């Protein structure tokens, strides 16, 4: 099953673009990219615990991701 990509309209109101991940540490960004997570909606298929287990993701990263997800009406898989 493929999840729909969460998008927002570009500044001109035309094409839609995927919503980027919020600003996190470089190690956290790399860890997420290694498992194919480059956009916010891709986090909804994972639990916070799974993300926290990634090498490079520390406990301060989860609240940042959680807040960004909530701002778009999304959450981690188990929340």
N, C-alpha and C. Protein backbone atom coordinates (compact mmCIF):
# COMPACT_ATOMS: atom_id res chain seq x y z
N UNK A 1 0.85 -1.16 0.00
CA UNK A 1 0.00 0.00 0.00
C UNK A 1 0.90 1.23 0.00
N UNK A 2 0.61 2.17 -0.88
CA UNK A 2 1.42 3.37 -1.00
C UNK A 2 0.70 4.55 -0.38
N UNK A 3 1.39 5.25 0.51
CA UNK A 3 0.79 6.42 1.16
C UNK A 3 0.80 7.60 0.19
N UNK A 4 -0.20 8.44 0.31
CA UNK A 4 -0.22 9.63 -0.53
C UNK A 4 0.82 10.61 -0.02
N UNK A 5 1.40 11.35 -0.92
CA UNK A 5 2.44 12.29 -0.57
C UNK A 5 1.82 13.60 -0.10
N UNK A 6 2.16 14.02 1.10
CA UNK A 6 1.66 15.29 1.64
C UNK A 6 2.38 16.41 0.91
N UNK A 7 1.62 17.29 0.32
CA UNK A 7 2.19 18.36 -0.49
C UNK A 7 1.57 19.70 -0.13
N UNK A 8 2.26 20.74 -0.52
CA UNK A 8 1.70 22.08 -0.39
C UNK A 8 1.90 22.78 -1.72
N UNK A 9 1.07 23.79 -1.98
CA UNK A 9 1.21 24.52 -3.23
C UNK A 9 2.44 25.40 -3.18
N UNK A 10 3.05 25.59 -4.35
CA UNK A 10 4.19 26.47 -4.39
C UNK A 10 3.73 27.93 -4.23
N UNK A 11 4.66 28.84 -4.10
CA UNK A 11 4.33 30.24 -3.83
C UNK A 11 3.43 30.86 -4.89
N UNK A 12 3.53 30.39 -6.11
CA UNK A 12 2.71 30.94 -7.18
C UNK A 12 1.32 30.31 -7.22
N UNK A 13 1.06 29.37 -6.32
CA UNK A 13 -0.24 28.71 -6.27
C UNK A 13 -0.40 27.64 -7.34
N UNK A 14 0.70 27.24 -7.95
CA UNK A 14 0.65 26.26 -9.03
C UNK A 14 0.88 24.85 -8.54
N UNK A 15 1.94 24.25 -9.00
CA UNK A 15 2.26 22.86 -8.70
C UNK A 15 2.44 22.65 -7.20
N UNK A 16 2.24 21.41 -6.78
CA UNK A 16 2.45 21.09 -5.37
C UNK A 16 3.84 20.52 -5.17
N UNK A 17 4.38 20.75 -3.99
CA UNK A 17 5.72 20.27 -3.66
C UNK A 17 5.66 19.51 -2.34
N UNK A 18 6.45 18.45 -2.20
CA UNK A 18 6.48 17.71 -0.93
C UNK A 18 6.96 18.60 0.21
N UNK A 19 6.46 18.34 1.40
CA UNK A 19 6.86 19.13 2.57
C UNK A 19 8.15 18.56 3.14
N UNK A 20 9.16 19.40 3.21
CA UNK A 20 10.47 18.98 3.70
C UNK A 20 10.43 18.69 5.19
N UNK A 21 11.40 17.92 5.63
CA UNK A 21 11.55 17.67 7.05
C UNK A 21 11.95 18.96 7.75
N UNK A 22 11.63 19.10 9.03
CA UNK A 22 12.05 20.30 9.76
C UNK A 22 13.56 20.28 9.98
N UNK A 23 14.10 21.41 10.39
CA UNK A 23 15.54 21.51 10.67
C UNK A 23 15.89 20.63 11.86
N UNK A 24 16.80 19.71 11.62
CA UNK A 24 17.33 18.84 12.68
C UNK A 24 18.84 18.80 12.51
N UNK A 25 19.51 18.07 13.36
CA UNK A 25 20.96 17.95 13.24
C UNK A 25 21.32 17.22 11.94
N UNK A 26 22.52 17.47 11.47
CA UNK A 26 22.98 16.78 10.25
C UNK A 26 23.02 15.27 10.43
N UNK A 27 23.50 14.75 11.57
CA UNK A 27 23.48 13.29 11.74
C UNK A 27 22.06 12.72 11.68
N UNK A 28 21.09 13.44 12.24
CA UNK A 28 19.71 12.96 12.21
C UNK A 28 19.18 12.96 10.78
N UNK A 29 19.46 14.03 10.04
CA UNK A 29 19.02 14.10 8.63
C UNK A 29 19.62 12.95 7.81
N UNK A 30 20.90 12.70 8.02
CA UNK A 30 21.55 11.60 7.29
C UNK A 30 20.95 10.26 7.65
N UNK A 31 20.69 10.05 8.94
CA UNK A 31 20.10 8.78 9.39
C UNK A 31 18.74 8.57 8.76
N UNK A 32 17.93 9.61 8.72
CA UNK A 32 16.61 9.51 8.10
C UNK A 32 16.72 9.25 6.60
N UNK A 33 17.63 9.95 5.95
CA UNK A 33 17.82 9.77 4.51
C UNK A 33 18.27 8.35 4.18
N UNK A 34 19.09 7.76 5.05
CA UNK A 34 19.57 6.39 4.83
C UNK A 34 18.43 5.38 4.77
N UNK A 35 17.33 5.66 5.46
CA UNK A 35 16.19 4.73 5.41
C UNK A 35 15.10 5.26 4.48
N UNK A 36 15.45 6.25 3.66
CA UNK A 36 14.53 6.73 2.64
C UNK A 36 13.55 7.80 3.07
N UNK A 37 13.77 8.40 4.23
CA UNK A 37 12.86 9.45 4.70
C UNK A 37 13.48 10.81 4.39
N UNK A 38 12.87 11.49 3.43
CA UNK A 38 13.35 12.80 3.02
C UNK A 38 12.24 13.85 3.09
N UNK A 39 11.00 13.40 3.30
CA UNK A 39 9.86 14.31 3.39
C UNK A 39 9.01 13.95 4.60
N UNK A 40 8.31 14.92 5.12
CA UNK A 40 7.56 14.79 6.36
C UNK A 40 6.57 13.63 6.35
N UNK A 41 5.81 13.47 5.29
CA UNK A 41 4.77 12.44 5.27
C UNK A 41 5.34 11.03 5.39
N UNK A 42 6.60 10.85 5.05
CA UNK A 42 7.22 9.53 5.12
C UNK A 42 7.43 9.05 6.56
N UNK A 43 7.37 9.97 7.51
CA UNK A 43 7.51 9.59 8.92
C UNK A 43 6.27 8.88 9.45
N UNK A 44 5.12 9.06 8.81
CA UNK A 44 3.88 8.50 9.34
C UNK A 44 3.87 6.97 9.30
N UNK A 45 4.74 6.37 8.54
CA UNK A 45 4.83 4.92 8.47
C UNK A 45 5.75 4.32 9.50
N UNK A 46 6.35 5.15 10.32
CA UNK A 46 7.31 4.70 11.35
C UNK A 46 6.86 5.14 12.73
N UNK A 47 7.32 4.42 13.73
CA UNK A 47 7.04 4.83 15.11
C UNK A 47 8.17 5.75 15.58
N UNK A 48 7.89 6.55 16.60
CA UNK A 48 8.92 7.41 17.18
C UNK A 48 10.06 6.55 17.72
N UNK A 49 9.73 5.42 18.29
CA UNK A 49 10.76 4.52 18.84
C UNK A 49 11.69 4.01 17.74
N UNK A 50 11.13 3.68 16.56
CA UNK A 50 11.96 3.23 15.44
C UNK A 50 12.93 4.32 15.01
N UNK A 51 12.42 5.55 14.93
CA UNK A 51 13.27 6.67 14.51
C UNK A 51 14.35 6.94 15.55
N UNK A 52 14.00 6.87 16.81
CA UNK A 52 14.96 7.13 17.88
C UNK A 52 16.09 6.10 17.90
N UNK A 53 15.84 4.90 17.42
CA UNK A 53 16.86 3.85 17.40
C UNK A 53 17.93 4.08 16.33
N UNK A 54 17.66 4.97 15.38
CA UNK A 54 18.61 5.22 14.31
C UNK A 54 19.87 5.89 14.85
N UNK A 55 21.02 5.44 14.38
CA UNK A 55 22.28 6.05 14.78
C UNK A 55 22.31 7.47 14.23
N UNK A 56 22.45 8.46 15.10
CA UNK A 56 22.47 9.85 14.69
C UNK A 56 21.23 10.62 15.13
N UNK A 57 20.20 9.89 15.52
CA UNK A 57 18.96 10.53 15.98
C UNK A 57 18.96 10.50 17.51
N UNK A 58 18.95 11.69 18.11
CA UNK A 58 18.94 11.78 19.56
C UNK A 58 17.55 12.12 20.07
N UNK A 59 17.38 12.09 21.39
CA UNK A 59 16.07 12.36 21.99
C UNK A 59 15.51 13.75 21.68
N UNK A 60 16.36 14.71 21.38
CA UNK A 60 15.85 16.05 21.08
C UNK A 60 15.24 16.13 19.68
N UNK A 61 15.52 15.16 18.83
CA UNK A 61 15.00 15.16 17.46
C UNK A 61 13.52 14.80 17.42
N UNK A 62 13.09 13.88 18.28
CA UNK A 62 11.72 13.38 18.22
C UNK A 62 10.69 14.49 18.46
N UNK A 63 10.83 15.36 19.46
CA UNK A 63 9.85 16.44 19.63
C UNK A 63 9.80 17.39 18.43
N UNK A 64 10.93 17.62 17.78
CA UNK A 64 10.97 18.49 16.60
C UNK A 64 10.15 17.85 15.48
N UNK A 65 10.36 16.56 15.26
CA UNK A 65 9.62 15.85 14.22
C UNK A 65 8.13 15.76 14.57
N UNK A 66 7.85 15.47 15.84
CA UNK A 66 6.46 15.34 16.29
C UNK A 66 5.69 16.66 16.10
N UNK A 67 6.33 17.77 16.43
CA UNK A 67 5.69 19.08 16.28
C UNK A 67 5.42 19.40 14.80
N UNK A 68 6.38 19.09 13.94
CA UNK A 68 6.19 19.33 12.50
C UNK A 68 5.07 18.46 11.95
N UNK A 69 5.02 17.21 12.37
CA UNK A 69 3.93 16.33 11.94
C UNK A 69 2.59 16.88 12.38
N UNK A 70 2.49 17.27 13.65
CA UNK A 70 1.22 17.77 14.20
C UNK A 70 0.77 19.04 13.47
N UNK A 71 1.72 19.87 13.07
CA UNK A 71 1.38 21.11 12.36
C UNK A 71 0.68 20.83 11.03
N UNK A 72 0.86 19.62 10.51
CA UNK A 72 0.23 19.24 9.24
C UNK A 72 -0.84 18.16 9.44
N UNK A 73 -1.26 17.97 10.69
CA UNK A 73 -2.31 17.00 10.98
C UNK A 73 -1.85 15.56 10.86
N UNK A 74 -0.57 15.32 11.06
CA UNK A 74 0.00 13.97 10.94
C UNK A 74 0.60 13.53 12.27
N UNK A 75 0.98 12.27 12.35
CA UNK A 75 1.65 11.76 13.54
C UNK A 75 2.47 10.53 13.17
N UNK A 76 3.30 10.11 14.11
CA UNK A 76 4.01 8.84 13.93
C UNK A 76 2.98 7.72 13.91
N UNK A 77 3.35 6.57 13.39
CA UNK A 77 2.43 5.46 13.20
C UNK A 77 1.70 5.05 14.48
N UNK A 78 2.36 5.09 15.60
CA UNK A 78 1.77 4.58 16.86
C UNK A 78 1.13 5.68 17.71
N UNK A 79 0.96 6.86 17.18
CA UNK A 79 0.42 7.96 18.00
C UNK A 79 -0.95 8.39 17.51
